[in-house]
Amino acid sequence: MKWFEATISYLFPTILIDSTPWGTLWEEQQREQFLRVARFFFPAVALGYVVHFYVFDKPMGLEPIEFWFRFRMAIASVCAATFAFYVSPMSKHRVYKLPALLACFAICYSQAKVTNWYGKEAWFFFFLFILAATILLRMTPLKSVLFGLAVISISYPELVKGGVSFENILSGSMVTLGLTAVVRAAAISEVRNFLLNQENISNQKKMIEMNIEFADRIKSFIPKVIANRLTHLMEDKRLNIVEASIEALKAKKKDIACLFTDIRGFTQGSKDINAFINESVVPEVKECSEKIEELEGIPRKVGDLLFAYFDSDSVHLNILRAMVSGIEIARVNESMNATSAAIQIRRFILISSGEAMVGNFGGLDSSIEITALGSPVNFLSRVDELTKAPEIANLIRHGDLILCERTVSLVEEFDVPIPFEKLDLDQLKLVIRDFPETRLLYKLTPTDETYELLLELHRLGIDVKRDRYNRKVNG
């Protein structure tokens, strides 16, 4: 039955669109294509009739010349009126092809009449005009053939009266209708190309929607900084969601700054679920994480422990952001403790810097594990243990920043007065587990002056300060 289906599709190609949601779009496209051709065709034909009178009819001495003038101008007027219709708002009417169909019939029928007035030689143009009309009207093969048959049938008496033999009329009709059927076979190709194009567009939309949905799901598991990088790779680098996810999340070696802080006395305080956990710890951890993300840090929360790393291309900028975030956390704690009746939240903020592997060490779903692995991370964990020793606990207070020696040396390159205090581990007779070579730590007690100074450094851009420092060193 494939031949039957092929025949029906050929005769009624739009039947392929009827079962799709794109029928209205097809009609709009067909209207626009038809109008573009009609707005060129009819003024061109009108001009052709006028020119024909002055270039052919008058020089050939056709008589009576007034009759030929009226005939040519009448057809030109019909074409001009049809053109006027198609440049007016009326062209949006549902039966917008009717004026063109009537105008084409008038042109073809008048050409049949010409065989009476001029001679039977004009019959060839009659069939040529029918073929041109079917191309213009952009109808289905069946409708085009029926239009041609209707014009030929109505014009037949005029052709016979003009002396055209039955054999010529028959052969002209067969050739014209055959060519019409062949030419308008393009209708089925147009429909199929339209459907293929719409299916491609639909598939692309589905892919985009799936990408967006997948991206949203991934973003729900990752920090804002990584989410922004993912968006940048998709929008600016034109990567798909999988490629962008792999690139944004893959583990890389970077010179980072790390921040580590946990709540002292959390185990004892956690016995009070409502007042301490729900009313103090949960909102405090959330606000501290937001402060870190505002400075493009990547936080990781494990219970009361808050770890974050900063991995821009500039280690100086990473350190600056870690220090500002540390002071922000201290200020958040101070503010919340001043208004809370629950157990006070007490934190030390530990900061280090160095090379580490950073990125996702899990999958691309809920198993995503974005963190940093390396010496500066382990170092902070060991320093956190050390701060619980009485020898050092008596020298620091909650809210202080504790920094490693390398971090302080890089901060000193800013050439600004930061009031660090040394913590000499030799004098304190303390050793950092797994890091016995480290003999100095530094303490920074946050003040408004230090906070404003660090913020100003961040606003100006770290390179400005480093340039000034380099000029000073190089003399």
Foldseek 3Di string as FASTA:
>chain_A
DVVVVVVCCQQPVCVVVPVDPCPVVVVVVVLVVLLVLLLPPLQVQLVVLVVCLVVPVVVVVQPPSVVSVVVSNVLSVLSVVLSVCSVDPVCPDPPNCVSLLVSLLVVLLVLLLVLQRPNLVSVLVSLVSLLVSLVSSLDRLNVSLVSLVVSLVVSVVSSVNSPNDPVVSVVSSVVSSVVSSVVNSCVNVVSVVVVVVVVVVVVVVVQVVVQVVLLVQLVVQFAPLLNVQLVCCCPVVVDTNVVSQCVSFPKDKAWKKKKKKFWPPCVVQVVPVPQPPVVPQVVLLVVLSVLLVVLVWTWDDDPRMIMIMHGDRDRLSRLLSLVLSLLVSLVSQVVRQVPGPGDRTFMEMEMEIGIWIFGFPADSHNRTDTDTDDDRVVQVVLVVVVCVDPLNVVVDGTSKYKYAPVSVVSNVLLVDDFDKDKDFCVVSVDARPPCRVGGIMIIGRDDPVNSVVSVVCVVVDVVVSNVVSVVVVVD
